[in-house]
Amino acid sequence: MRELIGRAGSQSAFARKSGVSQQVLSFLERGTNDPSAMAAVLIAAAAGVSVDWLLTGAEPILDTDRLVLALEVFEEGLAVSRRKIDNPRDRAEIIARLYLLCGEQKKPERAQVIRLFGARKA
């Protein structure tokens, strides 16, 4: 948990990003409590990790076809949003979220991609 919270800069920043209260994050960071199912899903989504990894620490096994689809959607999202994302960490975060959205090798809905890139609908 410390590593995930540290990536966001602070506990309060991660609380805003994840939608999980700072108090709950504090308990989780200290190891006082285990996350509820909902908190685990919210934290994993905000951090761009799988719930399995969050709960077990086991490295995820990437599905190559799903990753290729996520990369294709990323490129399409860049074109639609007209954004240029040079920072490797920002690119990786978006691709990781797209990977999670590309479950069962299905393309995410256009609205989800637009929200992810912060673009406005044309």
Protein backbone atom coordinates (compact mmCIF):
# COMPACT_ATOMS: atom_id res chain seq x y z
CA MET A 1 0.00 0.00 0.00
CA ARG A 2 2.81 2.42 0.82
CA GLU A 3 4.23 2.04 -2.67
CA LEU A 4 0.85 2.72 -4.32
CA ILE A 5 0.12 5.71 -2.12
CA GLY A 6 3.66 7.02 -2.66
CA ARG A 7 3.13 7.00 -6.43
CA ALA A 8 0.23 9.43 -5.98
CA GLY A 9 2.38 11.74 -3.87
CA SER A 10 0.39 11.62 -0.66
CA GLN A 11 -2.33 9.74 1.13
CA SER A 12 -4.82 12.55 0.54
CA ALA A 13 -4.00 12.63 -3.20
CA PHE A 14 -4.51 8.87 -3.44
CA ALA A 15 -7.77 9.14 -1.47
CA ARG A 16 -9.08 11.68 -4.01
CA LYS A 17 -7.90 9.57 -6.94
CA SER A 18 -9.34 6.30 -5.64
CA GLY A 19 -12.49 7.45 -3.88
CA VAL A 20 -11.41 5.59 -0.72
CA SER A 21 -11.32 7.67 2.45
CA GLN A 22 -7.99 8.73 3.89
CA GLN A 23 -8.92 7.02 7.15
CA VAL A 24 -9.42 3.66 5.40
CA LEU A 25 -6.15 4.13 3.50
CA SER A 26 -4.39 4.84 6.78
CA PHE A 27 -5.71 1.60 8.32
CA LEU A 28 -4.69 -0.35 5.22
CA GLU A 29 -1.24 1.22 5.06
CA ARG A 30 -0.58 0.31 8.70
CA GLY A 31 -1.92 -3.22 8.13
CA THR A 32 -4.61 -2.72 10.75
CA ASN A 33 -7.40 -3.84 8.41
CA ASP A 34 -7.82 -5.72 5.15
CA PRO A 35 -9.64 -3.85 2.39
CA SER A 36 -13.30 -4.51 1.72
CA ALA A 37 -14.09 -5.86 -1.73
CA MET A 38 -15.22 -2.41 -2.90
CA ALA A 39 -12.14 -0.67 -1.48
CA ALA A 40 -9.89 -3.26 -3.15
CA VAL A 41 -11.54 -2.65 -6.53
CA LEU A 42 -11.31 1.15 -6.17
CA ILE A 43 -7.69 1.08 -5.00
CA ALA A 44 -6.62 -1.36 -7.71
CA ALA A 45 -8.31 0.72 -10.43
CA ALA A 46 -6.77 3.96 -9.17
CA ALA A 47 -3.32 2.39 -8.95
CA GLY A 48 -3.55 0.56 -12.27
CA VAL A 49 -2.94 -2.85 -10.71
CA SER A 50 -5.07 -5.97 -10.55
CA VAL A 51 -7.08 -6.79 -7.45
CA ASP A 52 -5.16 -10.08 -7.32
CA TRP A 53 -1.86 -8.22 -7.17
CA LEU A 54 -3.21 -5.83 -4.55
CA LEU A 55 -4.39 -8.64 -2.29
CA THR A 56 -1.64 -11.21 -2.87
CA GLY A 57 1.35 -9.36 -4.29
CA ALA A 58 1.59 -12.00 -7.03
CA GLU A 59 2.87 -10.63 -10.31
CA PRO A 60 0.13 -10.57 -12.91
CA ILE A 61 0.41 -12.71 -16.00
CA LEU A 62 -0.20 -10.44 -18.97
CA ASP A 63 -2.34 -11.62 -21.83
CA THR A 64 -0.41 -10.60 -24.96
CA ASP A 65 -3.52 -10.25 -27.16
CA ARG A 66 -5.20 -8.10 -24.51
CA LEU A 67 -2.06 -5.94 -24.20
CA VAL A 68 -1.91 -5.48 -27.98
CA LEU A 69 -5.57 -4.40 -27.96
CA ALA A 70 -4.86 -1.95 -25.11
CA LEU A 71 -1.97 -0.46 -27.10
CA GLU A 72 -4.15 -0.13 -30.20
CA VAL A 73 -6.87 1.60 -28.18
CA PHE A 74 -4.20 3.85 -26.65
CA GLU A 75 -3.07 4.97 -30.10
CA GLU A 76 -6.68 5.56 -31.17
CA GLY A 77 -7.31 7.50 -27.97
CA LEU A 78 -4.32 9.74 -28.64
CA ALA A 79 -5.67 10.51 -32.11
CA VAL A 80 -9.22 11.20 -30.90
CA SER A 81 -8.16 13.31 -27.93
CA ARG A 82 -5.48 15.14 -29.93
CA ARG A 83 -3.23 14.87 -26.89
CA LYS A 84 0.49 14.29 -26.86
CA ILE A 85 1.62 12.29 -23.85
CA ASP A 86 5.41 12.25 -23.63
CA ASN A 87 5.86 11.26 -20.00
CA PRO A 88 6.50 7.47 -19.91
CA ARG A 89 4.78 7.10 -16.52
CA ASP A 90 1.64 8.87 -17.80
CA ARG A 91 1.64 6.68 -20.93
CA ALA A 92 2.09 3.52 -18.84
CA GLU A 93 -0.71 4.49 -16.45
CA ILE A 94 -3.17 5.00 -19.30
CA ILE A 95 -2.11 1.78 -21.02
CA ALA A 96 -2.46 -0.14 -17.74
CA ARG A 97 -5.98 1.21 -17.25
CA LEU A 98 -6.85 0.36 -20.85
CA TYR A 99 -5.50 -3.15 -20.28
CA LEU A 100 -7.93 -3.53 -17.38
CA LEU A 101 -10.78 -2.14 -19.52
CA CYS A 102 -9.96 -4.56 -22.38
CA GLY A 103 -11.26 -7.58 -20.50
CA GLU A 104 -11.86 -10.72 -22.54
CA GLN A 105 -10.20 -9.03 -25.54
CA LYS A 106 -13.11 -6.63 -25.95
CA LYS A 107 -12.57 -3.00 -26.87
CA PRO A 108 -13.74 -0.57 -24.19
CA GLU A 109 -16.56 1.78 -25.07
CA ARG A 110 -15.56 5.02 -26.77
CA ALA A 111 -16.88 7.08 -23.83
CA GLN A 112 -14.61 5.19 -21.42
CA VAL A 113 -11.58 5.90 -23.59
CA ILE A 114 -12.50 9.57 -23.96
CA ARG A 115 -12.85 9.92 -20.17
CA LEU A 116 -9.51 8.21 -19.66
CA PHE A 117 -7.76 10.65 -21.97
CA GLY A 118 -9.67 13.62 -20.54
CA ALA A 119 -10.90 14.61 -24.00
CA ARG A 120 -14.18 16.26 -24.79
CA LYS A 121 -16.68 14.62 -27.07
CA ALA A 122 -16.70 16.22 -30.48
